[in-house]
Every structure is written in C-alpha cells, then in structure tokens.
Amino acid sequence: MKRFIGEEIEVRFEKLPGPPTSFVWRGAEYKIAEILGHRLALDRSRTWYRRKHRDYYTVAAETGEVFKIFRHRGPGRRYWFLTAVLSETTDE
C-alpha cells in the first residue's frame, strides 16, 4: 500500500558521483539493496538559472521496504526528499 511521506532525508553514498547507498529517515538508517528505477526530470520551461532538476529513484531497502525518493538539484539549496513508502514490512 502506497503511503505519502513528504519529508526531507539524509542520503549517504559509497562514492561520488554515484547512486545512493543508504538514507536516514526519522533517525533510522535504511541501506539500499537495489535501485528499482531512476528518472531524471529537467524543467526546460524556465530560463537555465531558474530550472528545477530532480533525480527520482525507486529503491528497495534491505528491510524489504520500497521507497520513492528524489534529489532536488536546481537553484538554491540542494536536498533529498522521501516522497512515499510503496511497500512496508509487517512485524507479526
């Protein structure tokens, strides 16, 4: 079940440049086991210095959960954002 989150996260890398290897959300670190999808979105409707560029990732964590995250790299502050949890583990 998809659950919207909408929170900023800290993302870690094994090496730069390169894909994310883990992220921290609400104090817990999630190690990325697999990148399920990657999409680059370029805003070409604005002048080059005002464009919003975003890298969207769908990632599977080692816990089995699947997340949608993105990196904002347009003008101003650059940051990573967790947009949704696509599937969660159940503790039974």
C-alpha atoms as a PDB file:
ATOM      1  CA  MET A   1       0.000   0.000   0.000  1.00  0.00           C
ATOM      2  CA  LYS A   2       1.399   3.378  -1.011  1.00  0.00           C
ATOM      3  CA  ARG A   3       1.811   5.881   1.811  1.00  0.00           C
ATOM      4  CA  PHE A   4       2.762   9.536   1.152  1.00  0.00           C
ATOM      5  CA  ILE A   5       5.530  10.849   3.409  1.00  0.00           C
ATOM      6  CA  GLY A   6       6.868  14.208   2.168  1.00  0.00           C
ATOM      7  CA  GLU A   7       9.909  14.575   4.443  1.00  0.00           C
ATOM      8  CA  GLU A   8      13.496  15.616   3.871  1.00  0.00           C
ATOM      9  CA  ILE A   9      16.074  12.849   4.368  1.00  0.00           C
ATOM     10  CA  GLU A  10      19.837  12.475   4.634  1.00  0.00           C
ATOM     11  CA  VAL A  11      21.318  10.338   1.858  1.00  0.00           C
ATOM     12  CA  ARG A  12      24.672   8.548   2.004  1.00  0.00           C
ATOM     13  CA  PHE A  13      26.927   7.359  -0.804  1.00  0.00           C
ATOM     14  CA  GLU A  14      29.680   4.796  -1.142  1.00  0.00           C
ATOM     15  CA  LYS A  15      31.388   7.070  -3.669  1.00  0.00           C
ATOM     16  CA  LEU A  16      30.572  10.267  -5.519  1.00  0.00           C
ATOM     17  CA  PRO A  17      29.436  10.587  -8.183  1.00  0.00           C
ATOM     18  CA  GLY A  18      27.253   7.559  -7.877  1.00  0.00           C
ATOM     19  CA  PRO A  19      23.877   6.283  -6.773  1.00  0.00           C
ATOM     20  CA  PRO A  20      22.723   6.493  -3.145  1.00  0.00           C
ATOM     21  CA  THR A  21      23.643   3.524  -0.942  1.00  0.00           C
ATOM     22  CA  SER A  22      21.559   4.369   2.144  1.00  0.00           C
ATOM     23  CA  PHE A  23      19.408   7.078   3.678  1.00  0.00           C
ATOM     24  CA  VAL A  24      18.398   8.222   7.146  1.00  0.00           C
ATOM     25  CA  TRP A  25      14.737   8.823   7.866  1.00  0.00           C
ATOM     26  CA  ARG A  26      13.341   9.598  11.324  1.00  0.00           C
ATOM     27  CA  GLY A  27      16.613   8.531  12.927  1.00  0.00           C
ATOM     28  CA  ALA A  28      16.791   5.094  11.285  1.00  0.00           C
ATOM     29  CA  GLU A  29      19.235   4.187   8.516  1.00  0.00           C
ATOM     30  CA  TYR A  30      17.886   2.248   5.536  1.00  0.00           C
ATOM     31  CA  LYS A  31      20.516   0.502   3.422  1.00  0.00           C
ATOM     32  CA  ILE A  32      19.570   0.358  -0.244  1.00  0.00           C
ATOM     33  CA  ALA A  33      19.661  -3.199  -1.559  1.00  0.00           C
ATOM     34  CA  GLU A  34      18.527  -2.360  -5.095  1.00  0.00           C
ATOM     35  CA  ILE A  35      17.645   0.636  -7.240  1.00  0.00           C
ATOM     36  CA  LEU A  36      14.423  -0.373  -8.971  1.00  0.00           C
ATOM     37  CA  GLY A  37      14.110   2.747 -11.092  1.00  0.00           C
ATOM     38  CA  HIS A  38      15.760   6.075 -11.887  1.00  0.00           C
ATOM     39  CA  ARG A  39      14.381   9.038 -13.805  1.00  0.00           C
ATOM     40  CA  LEU A  40      15.872  12.473 -14.421  1.00  0.00           C
ATOM     41  CA  ALA A  41      13.373  15.339 -14.717  1.00  0.00           C
ATOM     42  CA  LEU A  42      14.586  18.593 -16.253  1.00  0.00           C
ATOM     43  CA  ASP A  43      12.396  21.687 -16.144  1.00  0.00           C
ATOM     44  CA  ARG A  44      13.036  23.233 -19.565  1.00  0.00           C
ATOM     45  CA  SER A  45      10.150  25.700 -19.295  1.00  0.00           C
ATOM     46  CA  ARG A  46      12.252  28.187 -17.283  1.00  0.00           C
ATOM     47  CA  THR A  47      15.465  30.013 -18.033  1.00  0.00           C
ATOM     48  CA  TRP A  48      18.527  27.874 -17.265  1.00  0.00           C
ATOM     49  CA  TYR A  49      19.361  29.556 -13.933  1.00  0.00           C
ATOM     50  CA  ARG A  50      15.817  29.028 -12.546  1.00  0.00           C
ATOM     51  CA  ARG A  51      15.307  25.418 -13.661  1.00  0.00           C
ATOM     52  CA  LYS A  52      14.414  22.687 -11.193  1.00  0.00           C
ATOM     53  CA  HIS A  53      16.310  19.476 -11.867  1.00  0.00           C
ATOM     54  CA  ARG A  54      15.325  16.343  -9.980  1.00  0.00           C
ATOM     55  CA  ASP A  55      16.576  12.783  -9.891  1.00  0.00           C
ATOM     56  CA  TYR A  56      13.770  10.393  -8.946  1.00  0.00           C
ATOM     57  CA  TYR A  57      14.632   6.957  -7.556  1.00  0.00           C
ATOM     58  CA  THR A  58      12.560   3.947  -6.576  1.00  0.00           C
ATOM     59  CA  VAL A  59      14.657   1.944  -4.121  1.00  0.00           C
ATOM     60  CA  ALA A  60      14.310  -1.318  -2.226  1.00  0.00           C
ATOM     61  CA  ALA A  61      15.848  -1.348   1.245  1.00  0.00           C
ATOM     62  CA  GLU A  62      17.487  -4.370   2.848  1.00  0.00           C
ATOM     63  CA  THR A  63      14.439  -4.496   5.161  1.00  0.00           C
ATOM     64  CA  GLY A  64      12.239  -5.332   2.150  1.00  0.00           C
ATOM     65  CA  GLU A  65      10.528  -1.943   2.084  1.00  0.00           C
ATOM     66  CA  VAL A  66      10.272   0.024  -1.165  1.00  0.00           C
ATOM     67  CA  PHE A  67      10.600   3.824  -1.187  1.00  0.00           C
ATOM     68  CA  LYS A  68      10.358   6.700  -3.675  1.00  0.00           C
ATOM     69  CA  ILE A  69      13.000   9.381  -3.111  1.00  0.00           C
ATOM     70  CA  PHE A  70      14.274  12.330  -5.127  1.00  0.00           C
ATOM     71  CA  ARG A  71      17.191  14.721  -5.188  1.00  0.00           C
ATOM     72  CA  HIS A  72      16.451  18.385  -5.888  1.00  0.00           C
ATOM     73  CA  ARG A  73      19.428  19.970  -7.602  1.00  0.00           C
ATOM     74  CA  GLY A  74      18.038  23.159  -9.041  1.00  0.00           C
ATOM     75  CA  PRO A  75      18.706  26.707  -7.901  1.00  0.00           C
ATOM     76  CA  GLY A  76      19.071  27.388  -4.207  1.00  0.00           C
ATOM     77  CA  ARG A  77      19.539  24.691  -1.617  1.00  0.00           C
ATOM     78  CA  ARG A  78      20.054  21.115  -2.772  1.00  0.00           C
ATOM     79  CA  TYR A  79      18.344  18.369  -0.804  1.00  0.00           C
ATOM     80  CA  TRP A  80      16.942  14.818  -0.798  1.00  0.00           C
ATOM     81  CA  PHE A  81      13.288  14.073  -0.136  1.00  0.00           C
ATOM     82  CA  LEU A  82      11.312  10.921   0.695  1.00  0.00           C
ATOM     83  CA  THR A  83       8.007  11.125  -1.131  1.00  0.00           C
ATOM     84  CA  ALA A  84       6.405   7.753  -0.449  1.00  0.00           C
ATOM     85  CA  VAL A  85       6.645   4.290   1.036  1.00  0.00           C
ATOM     86  CA  LEU A  86       5.417   1.918  -1.674  1.00  0.00           C
ATOM     87  CA  SER A  87       5.523  -1.281   0.360  1.00  0.00           C
ATOM     88  CA  GLU A  88       6.259  -1.929   4.010  1.00  0.00           C
ATOM     89  CA  THR A  89       7.385  -4.872   6.047  1.00  0.00           C
ATOM     90  CA  THR A  90       4.907  -6.222   8.561  1.00  0.00           C
ATOM     91  CA  ASP A  91       6.012  -7.167  12.053  1.00  0.00           C
ATOM     92  CA  GLU A  92       3.822 -10.069  13.053  1.00  0.00           C
END
